[in-house]
Protein backbone atom coordinates (compact mmCIF):
# COMPACT_ATOMS: atom_id res chain seq x y z
CA MET A 1 -63.64 -23.34 -46.05
CA ARG A 2 -60.41 -23.11 -44.79
CA THR A 3 -60.23 -19.39 -44.73
CA LEU A 4 -63.42 -19.50 -42.64
CA ALA A 5 -61.92 -21.67 -40.23
CA SER A 6 -58.91 -19.99 -40.09
CA ILE A 7 -60.96 -17.11 -38.89
CA VAL A 8 -62.92 -18.69 -36.11
CA MET A 9 -59.83 -20.52 -34.55
CA THR A 10 -58.38 -16.82 -34.43
CA LEU A 11 -61.23 -15.66 -32.65
CA LEU A 12 -61.44 -18.36 -30.39
CA PHE A 13 -57.57 -17.98 -29.75
CA VAL A 14 -57.98 -14.59 -29.18
CA ALA A 15 -61.09 -14.97 -26.92
CA VAL A 16 -59.11 -17.50 -24.74
CA LEU A 17 -56.05 -15.17 -24.15
CA ALA A 18 -57.58 -11.72 -23.98
CA PRO A 19 -58.13 -12.11 -19.89
CA GLU A 20 -54.65 -13.33 -19.65
CA VAL A 21 -53.17 -9.91 -21.62
CA GLU A 22 -55.31 -7.51 -19.35
CA ALA A 23 -54.65 -9.42 -16.10
CA GLN A 24 -50.80 -8.82 -17.05
CA LYS A 25 -50.81 -4.84 -17.26
CA PRO A 26 -50.16 -3.19 -13.91
CA SER A 27 -53.19 -2.78 -11.69
CA GLY A 28 -52.25 0.78 -9.85
CA GLU A 29 -53.52 -0.63 -7.19
CA LYS A 30 -51.47 0.75 -4.02
CA THR A 31 -51.92 -0.19 -0.11
CA VAL A 32 -51.60 2.46 2.67
CA ASN A 33 -51.80 2.10 6.42
CA ILE A 34 -53.07 5.18 7.94
CA GLU A 35 -53.22 5.70 11.92
CA ALA A 36 -56.88 7.23 12.98
CA ASN A 37 -57.77 7.74 16.74
CA LEU A 38 -60.06 4.90 16.65
CA SER A 39 -61.82 4.15 19.75
CA CYS A 40 -64.30 1.64 19.18
CA ASP A 41 -66.09 -0.86 16.99
CA GLY A 42 -68.59 2.66 16.26
CA CYS A 43 -65.53 4.16 14.81
CA LYS A 44 -64.44 1.08 12.85
CA LYS A 45 -67.66 1.03 11.12
CA THR A 46 -68.22 4.84 10.78
CA VAL A 47 -64.12 4.93 8.83
CA GLU A 48 -65.01 1.64 6.80
CA THR A 49 -68.06 2.37 5.41
CA GLY A 50 -67.32 6.22 4.58
CA LEU A 51 -64.10 5.30 3.02
CA ALA A 52 -65.62 2.08 1.22
CA LYS A 53 -67.78 4.67 -0.86
CA ALA A 54 -64.60 7.04 -1.68
CA LYS A 55 -63.54 7.12 -5.37
CA GLY A 56 -60.97 4.66 -6.02
CA VAL A 57 -61.65 2.54 -2.89
CA LYS A 58 -60.92 -1.01 -3.07
CA GLU A 59 -60.70 -2.60 0.44
CA VAL A 60 -60.67 -0.98 3.78
CA LYS A 61 -60.23 -2.65 7.34
CA ALA A 62 -59.91 -0.63 10.27
CA ASP A 63 -58.72 -1.34 13.54
CA PRO A 64 -59.79 0.02 16.67
CA THR A 65 -57.24 -1.99 18.77
CA THR A 66 -54.47 -1.03 16.66
CA LYS A 67 -55.59 2.31 15.59
CA MET A 68 -55.05 1.50 12.00
CA VAL A 69 -56.79 1.93 8.86
CA THR A 70 -55.29 -0.11 5.90
CA VAL A 71 -56.80 1.06 2.64
CA THR A 72 -56.42 -0.45 -0.81
CA TYR A 73 -56.73 2.39 -3.43
CA ASP A 74 -56.34 2.95 -7.15
CA GLU A 75 -53.54 5.33 -7.44
CA SER A 76 -55.14 6.89 -10.57
CA LYS A 77 -58.62 7.74 -9.00
CA THR A 78 -57.56 8.90 -5.35
CA SER A 79 -54.41 9.67 -3.37
CA GLU A 80 -53.16 9.24 0.44
CA ASP A 81 -53.78 12.80 0.93
CA LYS A 82 -57.26 12.58 0.12
CA LEU A 83 -57.74 9.20 2.24
CA VAL A 84 -56.57 10.98 5.37
CA LYS A 85 -58.96 14.00 4.33
CA SER A 86 -61.76 11.91 4.18
CA ILE A 87 -61.12 10.49 7.82
CA GLU A 88 -60.82 13.61 9.04
CA ARG A 89 -63.78 14.98 7.94
CA MET A 90 -65.72 12.09 9.53
CA GLY A 91 -64.25 13.72 13.02
CA TYR A 92 -60.84 11.39 13.23
CA LYS A 93 -57.28 12.48 13.71
CA ALA A 94 -55.40 10.74 10.63
CA ARG A 95 -52.04 10.65 9.20
CA VAL A 96 -50.05 8.05 6.77
CA SER A 97 -48.48 5.73 9.24
CA LYS A 98 -44.45 6.67 9.52
CA ALA A 99 -43.78 2.90 8.22
CA ASP A 100 -45.39 3.95 4.85
CA LYS A 101 -43.36 6.93 4.79
CA ASP A 102 -39.90 7.34 3.75
CA CYS A 103 -37.14 6.81 6.52
CA GLY A 104 -34.83 9.63 5.51
CA THR A 105 -35.05 11.99 8.24
CA LYS A 106 -32.96 12.08 11.47
CA GLU A 107 -35.80 11.10 13.72
CA ASP A 108 -36.78 7.77 11.08
CA VAL A 109 -33.04 7.06 11.52
CA ALA A 110 -33.00 6.83 14.76
CA SER A 111 -36.10 4.78 15.06
CA ARG A 112 -34.27 2.45 12.92
CA LYS A 113 -31.61 2.05 15.45
CA THR A 114 -34.11 1.44 18.27
CA GLY A 115 -36.32 -0.98 16.21
CA GLY A 116 -38.65 1.48 15.03
CA GLY A 117 -41.07 1.06 11.66
CA CYS A 118 -38.50 2.10 9.17
């Protein structure tokens, strides 16, 4: 009887802690800002709907005012380049925002001195 109670208690303990252990794993999620030539709410809807269907995309927010598309995605399933190409296939010009890139070039260093994104 004691053994049975021990097994039940162990199973309950594992069942309670299992979600916490899963939550501690690295998620592999990344967020990127992509500049795109969006000009209206129609553009916003097209890009948000199109990217939402892309493999690995978790969340998409497009803003025609700032001409930025913010995408949260799973790095193991897609990449920044694939996301940019998807937006380009929808008919828009797109590139990863300079603020998201490494600030190692001369232009980027000059941008820092003038208050740019890097």
